[in-house]
Amino acid sequence: MRDLLHTIGGFAIAGELETEAEAGLWLDEHPDGCDLAVVDLILAEGTGMGVVAKCRQAAPSARIVVFSDYATPGIRNHCLRLGADQVFPKSEDVNALTDYCAALAAGQAPPPMVAQ
């Protein structure tokens, strides 16, 4: 993810966290500390779903995207209900995630989510 965002440009990595607890602590210590959160659902401990919900609460103006191999339609809908703005399956939508991030970096509205 770091390489992808570096290639696009316009992003500074604020943190890379491996567990739900680490992410929750970071969000508590850095309210509104990010403009974009890219969350995987499978973490070393805990789940990305908890991170999505905590991020939406701690940083209401942030864009939250889920990028995961486990983004089935049901999981996708659940992530959206928790506050994610977009959900991208890793195996299918790397280009869609790249387009989304490039639009944000350029100050443009990101592409609309495609219904699945």
Protein backbone atom coordinates (compact mmCIF):
# COMPACT_ATOMS: atom_id res chain seq x y z
CA MET A 1 0.00 0.00 0.00
CA ARG A 2 2.85 2.36 0.84
CA ASP A 3 4.35 1.82 -2.64
CA LEU A 4 0.99 2.35 -4.34
CA LEU A 5 0.36 5.64 -2.53
CA HIS A 6 3.96 6.75 -3.16
CA THR A 7 3.51 6.07 -6.89
CA ILE A 8 0.32 8.14 -6.99
CA GLY A 9 1.92 10.95 -4.98
CA GLY A 10 0.33 13.51 -2.72
CA PHE A 11 0.09 11.21 0.30
CA ALA A 12 2.01 11.16 3.56
CA ILE A 13 1.73 7.93 5.53
CA ALA A 14 0.55 8.80 9.05
CA GLY A 15 0.68 5.26 10.40
CA GLU A 16 0.79 1.58 9.56
CA LEU A 17 -0.81 -0.58 12.19
CA GLU A 18 -1.20 -4.33 12.42
CA THR A 19 -3.89 -4.82 15.05
CA GLU A 20 -7.31 -3.43 15.85
CA ALA A 21 -6.06 -2.33 19.28
CA GLU A 22 -3.09 -0.43 17.79
CA ALA A 23 -5.40 1.29 15.33
CA GLY A 24 -7.85 2.22 18.08
CA LEU A 25 -5.07 3.67 20.23
CA TRP A 26 -3.63 5.62 17.28
CA LEU A 27 -7.06 7.05 16.50
CA ASP A 28 -7.58 8.01 20.15
CA GLU A 29 -4.21 9.79 20.20
CA HIS A 30 -4.64 11.45 16.79
CA PRO A 31 -8.25 12.62 16.44
CA ASP A 32 -8.75 13.69 12.85
CA GLY A 33 -5.16 12.56 12.23
CA CYS A 34 -5.85 11.21 8.76
CA ASP A 35 -7.70 12.15 5.61
CA LEU A 36 -7.68 8.61 4.16
CA ALA A 37 -7.69 5.29 5.98
CA VAL A 38 -7.07 2.13 3.97
CA VAL A 39 -8.18 -0.83 6.05
CA ASP A 40 -7.70 -4.55 5.51
CA LEU A 41 -10.24 -6.78 7.19
CA ILE A 42 -7.73 -9.41 8.31
CA LEU A 43 -5.33 -8.09 10.94
CA ALA A 44 -2.71 -9.71 13.15
CA GLU A 45 -5.23 -9.31 15.99
CA GLY A 46 -8.82 -8.14 15.87
CA THR A 47 -10.64 -7.18 12.69
CA GLY A 48 -10.66 -4.37 10.22
CA MET A 49 -14.39 -3.95 10.76
CA GLY A 50 -13.70 -2.64 14.25
CA VAL A 51 -11.13 -0.26 12.77
CA VAL A 52 -13.65 1.05 10.23
CA ALA A 53 -16.21 1.77 12.95
CA LYS A 54 -13.63 3.40 15.24
CA CYS A 55 -12.19 5.47 12.40
CA ARG A 56 -15.62 6.76 11.36
CA GLN A 57 -16.26 7.80 14.97
CA ALA A 58 -12.80 9.34 15.59
CA ALA A 59 -12.30 10.96 12.18
CA PRO A 60 -15.73 11.70 10.72
CA SER A 61 -14.36 13.64 7.75
CA ALA A 62 -11.80 10.99 6.73
CA ARG A 63 -12.29 8.83 3.67
CA ILE A 64 -12.33 5.20 4.75
CA VAL A 65 -11.73 2.45 2.24
CA VAL A 66 -11.58 -1.26 2.83
CA PHE A 67 -9.10 -3.17 0.67
CA SER A 68 -9.39 -6.87 1.36
CA ASP A 69 -9.47 -10.31 -0.19
CA TYR A 70 -12.58 -10.98 1.89
CA ALA A 71 -14.80 -8.25 0.45
CA THR A 72 -17.79 -10.43 -0.43
CA PRO A 73 -21.08 -8.66 -1.14
CA GLY A 74 -22.33 -9.29 2.41
CA ILE A 75 -19.08 -8.11 4.00
CA ARG A 76 -19.05 -5.12 1.67
CA ASN A 77 -22.54 -4.06 2.79
CA HIS A 78 -21.59 -4.50 6.44
CA CYS A 79 -18.46 -2.36 6.01
CA LEU A 80 -20.54 0.37 4.37
CA ARG A 81 -23.00 0.29 7.29
CA LEU A 82 -20.04 0.65 9.68
CA GLY A 83 -18.93 3.79 7.86
CA ALA A 84 -16.63 2.77 5.01
CA ASP A 85 -16.85 4.99 1.94
CA GLN A 86 -15.68 2.33 -0.49
CA VAL A 87 -14.82 -1.38 -0.45
CA PHE A 88 -12.33 -2.82 -2.92
CA PRO A 89 -11.58 -6.53 -3.30
CA LYS A 90 -7.78 -6.92 -3.54
CA SER A 91 -7.96 -9.60 -6.19
CA GLU A 92 -10.27 -7.62 -8.48
CA ASP A 93 -10.09 -3.87 -7.94
CA VAL A 94 -6.50 -2.65 -7.57
CA ASN A 95 -7.07 -0.28 -10.49
CA ALA A 96 -10.30 1.02 -8.94
CA LEU A 97 -8.46 1.69 -5.66
CA THR A 98 -5.68 3.44 -7.58
CA ASP A 99 -8.21 5.61 -9.43
CA TYR A 100 -9.96 6.44 -6.15
CA CYS A 101 -6.72 7.48 -4.43
CA ALA A 102 -5.49 9.41 -7.49
CA ALA A 103 -8.72 11.42 -7.55
CA LEU A 104 -8.33 12.24 -3.85
CA ALA A 105 -4.69 13.27 -4.36
CA ALA A 106 -5.76 15.55 -7.21
CA GLY A 107 -8.44 17.18 -5.05
CA GLN A 108 -11.24 15.68 -7.13
CA ALA A 109 -14.29 13.77 -6.05
CA PRO A 110 -13.47 10.06 -6.07
CA PRO A 111 -15.22 7.86 -8.62
CA PRO A 112 -18.63 6.66 -7.43
CA MET A 113 -18.90 3.19 -5.98
CA VAL A 114 -20.00 0.58 -8.45
CA ALA A 115 -22.84 -1.60 -7.17
CA GLN A 116 -22.02 -5.28 -6.94
